[in-house]
């Protein structure tokens, strides 16, 4: 069963939601039958951090609140991350335009490294305090997850996967997605936000049971004229 996840790498709730989702999935007996497809989404596509602006100043300016209020607001998110087993370093967090990061994730998907790429970009942005809008940082991440450095550099210096990123965003609009993270299960059910682990467990279980029941049954027509020369639980017939 396919689970599509619309996410933006500069969204802390996407980082937290990813880990809640993974914690739920890990305990389910059908986890190996789940296919995960990360989809691009940009919270602020027009933003470009040209002055190394930090997250508190960014939130203060964009939301029209004081820096102190921004720090109080973000502390609640940091506490939520801690409860999810994550450490987010907001003091060094650098807001960034994530378009090229999403292109890198599409390249990673080509090599079956999409989920790893998503995780390492979250770590670079939220834990290491790196500017994921810079090509140098994206190349570091590419090499870290095992991508060919030359292939990644060629991609960043072209418009490769740009249309794929735009299509993901277009698709999210058609589906009525207005915020991330957003988890779409078998194109039937949606789960919005960094929900608790139990909520993901229930949603995955219900979706998988319905998906499994809808799969066509395979029937085999025997061409044998008799049942000679077979073995079963009672032994072998000759």
Protein backbone atom coordinates (compact mmCIF):
# COMPACT_ATOMS: atom_id res chain seq x y z
CA UNK A 1 0.00 0.00 0.00
CA UNK A 2 1.32 3.40 -0.92
CA UNK A 3 1.56 6.25 1.60
CA UNK A 4 2.32 9.66 0.10
CA UNK A 5 3.68 12.30 2.45
CA UNK A 6 3.61 15.99 1.52
CA UNK A 7 6.31 17.74 3.51
CA UNK A 8 8.61 20.75 3.59
CA UNK A 9 12.13 20.33 4.95
CA UNK A 10 11.99 23.60 6.91
CA UNK A 11 8.81 22.51 8.72
CA UNK A 12 9.50 21.23 12.27
CA UNK A 13 6.13 19.49 12.44
CA UNK A 14 7.10 17.53 9.32
CA UNK A 15 10.25 16.31 11.09
CA UNK A 16 8.26 15.36 14.19
CA UNK A 17 5.45 13.81 12.15
CA UNK A 18 7.94 11.69 10.20
CA UNK A 19 9.23 10.15 13.39
CA UNK A 20 5.77 9.58 14.87
CA UNK A 21 4.75 7.89 11.62
CA UNK A 22 7.88 5.72 11.57
CA UNK A 23 7.43 4.71 15.21
CA UNK A 24 3.90 3.58 14.42
CA UNK A 25 4.87 1.75 11.24
CA UNK A 26 7.78 -0.09 12.86
CA UNK A 27 5.46 -1.95 15.23
CA UNK A 28 2.97 -3.07 12.58
CA UNK A 29 3.19 -6.61 11.13
CA UNK A 30 2.59 -5.35 7.59
CA UNK A 31 5.32 -2.68 7.62
CA UNK A 32 7.17 -4.29 4.71
CA UNK A 33 4.07 -3.94 2.53
CA UNK A 34 4.02 -0.15 2.87
CA UNK A 35 5.56 1.96 0.10
CA UNK A 36 6.43 5.53 1.15
CA UNK A 37 6.60 8.34 -1.38
CA UNK A 38 7.75 11.78 -0.19
CA UNK A 39 6.10 14.68 -1.98
CA UNK A 40 7.35 18.26 -2.26
CA UNK A 41 5.61 21.21 -0.60
CA UNK A 42 6.88 24.74 0.04
CA UNK A 43 5.58 26.76 2.96
CA UNK A 44 7.18 29.97 1.71
CA UNK A 45 8.22 29.55 -1.94
CA UNK A 46 9.08 33.25 -2.39
CA UNK A 47 11.49 33.39 0.55
CA UNK A 48 15.25 33.63 0.02
CA UNK A 49 17.53 34.08 3.02
CA UNK A 50 20.10 36.51 1.68
CA UNK A 51 21.23 37.86 5.09
CA UNK A 52 21.68 34.64 7.11
CA UNK A 53 18.49 35.48 9.01
CA UNK A 54 17.81 33.25 12.03
CA UNK A 55 14.47 31.62 12.74
CA UNK A 56 13.41 33.95 15.60
CA UNK A 57 13.86 37.05 13.43
CA UNK A 58 12.15 35.30 10.51
CA UNK A 59 9.09 34.43 12.61
CA UNK A 60 9.01 37.86 14.23
CA UNK A 61 8.99 39.58 10.85
CA UNK A 62 6.69 37.18 8.99
CA UNK A 63 4.10 36.86 11.78
CA UNK A 64 4.32 40.43 13.09
CA UNK A 65 5.23 39.39 16.64
CA UNK A 66 8.10 40.23 18.97
CA UNK A 67 11.28 38.14 18.96
CA UNK A 68 10.53 37.17 22.56
CA UNK A 69 7.07 35.94 21.58
CA UNK A 70 8.62 34.01 18.70
CA UNK A 71 11.03 32.31 21.13
CA UNK A 72 8.18 31.34 23.45
CA UNK A 73 6.18 29.95 20.56
CA UNK A 74 9.07 27.95 19.17
CA UNK A 75 9.91 26.50 22.59
CA UNK A 76 6.62 24.61 22.51
CA UNK A 77 7.70 23.02 19.23
CA UNK A 78 11.11 22.17 20.71
CA UNK A 79 9.40 20.45 23.65
CA UNK A 80 7.20 18.47 21.25
CA UNK A 81 10.32 17.40 19.34
CA UNK A 82 11.99 16.26 22.55
CA UNK A 83 8.97 14.09 23.35
CA UNK A 84 9.37 12.51 19.90
CA UNK A 85 12.99 11.68 20.66
CA UNK A 86 14.40 14.52 18.55
CA UNK A 87 16.62 17.48 19.36
CA UNK A 88 15.94 20.64 17.38
CA UNK A 89 18.48 23.43 17.74
CA UNK A 90 16.37 26.51 17.06
CA UNK A 91 19.04 28.94 18.31
CA UNK A 92 21.13 28.16 15.23
CA UNK A 93 18.27 27.37 12.83
CA UNK A 94 18.49 29.14 9.46
CA UNK A 95 15.29 29.53 7.40
CA UNK A 96 15.82 28.72 3.74
CA UNK A 97 14.16 28.37 0.38
CA UNK A 98 13.72 24.61 0.02
CA UNK A 99 13.11 24.26 -3.73
CA UNK A 100 16.54 22.81 -4.47
CA UNK A 101 16.37 20.57 -1.40
CA UNK A 102 13.19 19.09 -2.84
CA UNK A 103 14.94 18.57 -6.16
CA UNK A 104 17.68 16.67 -4.29
CA UNK A 105 15.03 14.45 -2.70
CA UNK A 106 13.71 13.60 -6.16
CA UNK A 107 17.24 12.67 -7.25
CA UNK A 108 17.58 10.53 -4.12
CA UNK A 109 14.31 8.78 -5.02
CA UNK A 110 15.86 7.73 -8.34
CA UNK A 111 18.43 5.76 -6.32
CA UNK A 112 16.00 4.45 -3.67
CA UNK A 113 17.46 6.87 -1.12
CA UNK A 114 14.47 9.19 -0.78
CA UNK A 115 13.66 8.51 2.87
CA UNK A 116 17.33 8.73 3.86
CA UNK A 117 17.66 12.00 1.98
CA UNK A 118 14.60 13.43 3.70
CA UNK A 119 15.98 12.49 7.13
CA UNK A 120 19.47 13.90 6.47
CA UNK A 121 18.05 17.18 5.20
CA UNK A 122 15.95 17.49 8.35
CA UNK A 123 19.07 16.81 10.43
CA UNK A 124 21.14 19.36 8.50
CA UNK A 125 18.45 22.01 8.94
CA UNK A 126 17.18 21.39 12.47
CA UNK A 127 20.10 19.73 14.28
CA UNK A 128 23.25 21.02 12.60
CA UNK A 129 22.02 24.54 11.87
CA UNK A 130 23.05 24.46 8.20
CA UNK A 131 21.56 26.55 5.43
CA UNK A 132 19.87 23.97 3.20
CA UNK A 133 19.25 26.67 0.61
CA UNK A 134 22.98 26.60 -0.25
CA UNK A 135 24.27 24.24 -2.92
CA UNK A 136 27.38 23.44 -0.86
CA UNK A 137 25.22 22.10 1.96
CA UNK A 138 23.04 20.11 -0.42
CA UNK A 139 26.15 18.55 -1.97
CA UNK A 140 27.34 17.56 1.50
CA UNK A 141 24.01 15.85 2.14
CA UNK A 142 24.11 14.17 -1.27
CA UNK A 143 27.52 12.64 -0.56
CA UNK A 144 26.50 11.67 2.97
CA UNK A 145 23.55 9.59 1.75
CA UNK A 146 25.59 7.92 -0.97
CA UNK A 147 24.69 9.88 -4.10
CA UNK A 148 27.28 10.49 -6.77
CA UNK A 149 28.74 13.97 -6.17
CA UNK A 150 29.03 14.75 -9.87
CA UNK A 151 25.44 13.70 -10.60
CA UNK A 152 24.19 15.84 -7.70
CA UNK A 153 26.23 18.85 -8.84
CA UNK A 154 24.93 18.53 -12.40
CA UNK A 155 21.37 18.39 -11.08
CA UNK A 156 21.83 21.49 -8.92
CA UNK A 157 23.32 23.42 -11.83
CA UNK A 158 20.36 22.60 -14.07
CA UNK A 159 16.58 22.64 -13.80
CA UNK A 160 16.41 18.86 -13.40
CA UNK A 161 13.44 17.74 -11.27
CA UNK A 162 12.13 21.31 -11.08
CA UNK A 163 8.97 20.29 -12.89
CA UNK A 164 8.58 17.27 -10.61
CA UNK A 165 8.67 19.54 -7.55
CA UNK A 166 6.13 21.89 -9.10
CA UNK A 167 3.88 18.98 -9.99
CA UNK A 168 3.92 17.72 -6.38
CA UNK A 169 2.83 21.16 -5.22
CA UNK A 170 0.17 21.37 -7.94
CA UNK A 171 -1.09 17.93 -6.91
CA UNK A 172 -1.32 19.01 -3.27
CA UNK A 173 -3.49 21.94 -4.29
CA UNK A 174 -5.81 19.65 -6.25
CA UNK A 175 -6.13 17.40 -3.20
CA UNK A 176 -7.00 20.36 -0.99
CA UNK A 177 -3.83 20.15 1.10
CA UNK A 178 -3.24 23.48 2.82
CA UNK A 179 -0.61 22.54 5.37
CA UNK A 180 2.07 19.95 6.10
CA UNK A 181 2.85 17.30 7.03
CA UNK A 182 0.00 15.58 5.23
CA UNK A 183 -0.13 11.80 4.91
CA UNK A 184 -2.28 10.28 2.16
CA UNK A 185 -2.93 6.55 2.47
CA UNK A 186 -3.87 4.63 -0.66
CA UNK A 187 -5.33 7.88 -2.08
CA UNK A 188 -8.34 7.30 0.18
CA UNK A 189 -7.52 8.66 3.63
CA UNK A 190 -5.61 11.72 4.78
CA UNK A 191 -3.92 12.42 8.09
CA UNK A 192 -2.92 16.02 8.72
CA UNK A 193 -0.20 17.18 11.08
CA UNK A 194 2.28 15.61 13.47
CA UNK A 195 -0.31 13.32 15.02
CA UNK A 196 0.51 11.06 17.99
CA UNK A 197 1.94 7.62 17.27
CA UNK A 198 -1.35 5.92 18.17
CA UNK A 199 -3.25 8.01 15.60
CA UNK A 200 -0.87 6.86 12.86
CA UNK A 201 -1.15 3.26 14.06
CA UNK A 202 -4.93 3.35 13.77
CA UNK A 203 -4.95 5.13 10.41
CA UNK A 204 -2.37 2.78 8.90
CA UNK A 205 -4.17 -0.30 10.20
CA UNK A 206 -7.57 0.74 8.87
CA UNK A 207 -6.16 1.81 5.50
CA UNK A 208 -4.10 -1.35 5.09
CA UNK A 209 -6.97 -3.68 5.98
CA UNK A 210 -9.20 -2.04 3.37
CA UNK A 211 -6.41 -2.02 0.79
CA UNK A 212 -5.61 -5.69 1.42
CA UNK A 213 -9.26 -6.70 1.12
CA UNK A 214 -9.50 -4.92 -2.24
CA UNK A 215 -6.55 -6.76 -3.80
CA UNK A 216 -7.54 -9.30 -6.46
CA UNK A 217 -7.36 -12.92 -5.41
CA UNK A 218 -5.16 -15.17 -7.51
CA UNK A 219 -6.75 -18.45 -8.60
CA UNK A 220 -4.89 -21.22 -10.38
CA UNK A 221 -6.53 -23.66 -12.76
CA UNK A 222 -4.88 -27.06 -12.60
CA UNK A 223 -4.01 -28.78 -15.87
CA UNK A 224 -3.22 -32.07 -14.14
CA UNK A 225 -5.36 -35.10 -15.05
CA UNK A 226 -4.61 -36.65 -11.65
CA UNK A 227 -2.82 -35.88 -8.41
CA UNK A 228 0.02 -38.38 -8.75
CA UNK A 229 3.58 -37.58 -7.69
CA UNK A 230 2.83 -34.90 -5.12
CA UNK A 231 3.71 -34.49 -1.45
CA UNK A 232 1.50 -32.97 1.22
CA UNK A 233 1.26 -33.01 5.01
CA UNK A 234 0.35 -36.69 4.88
CA UNK A 235 3.39 -37.74 2.88
CA UNK A 236 4.08 -38.45 -0.78
CA UNK A 237 1.81 -40.16 -3.30
CA UNK A 238 3.50 -42.18 -6.03
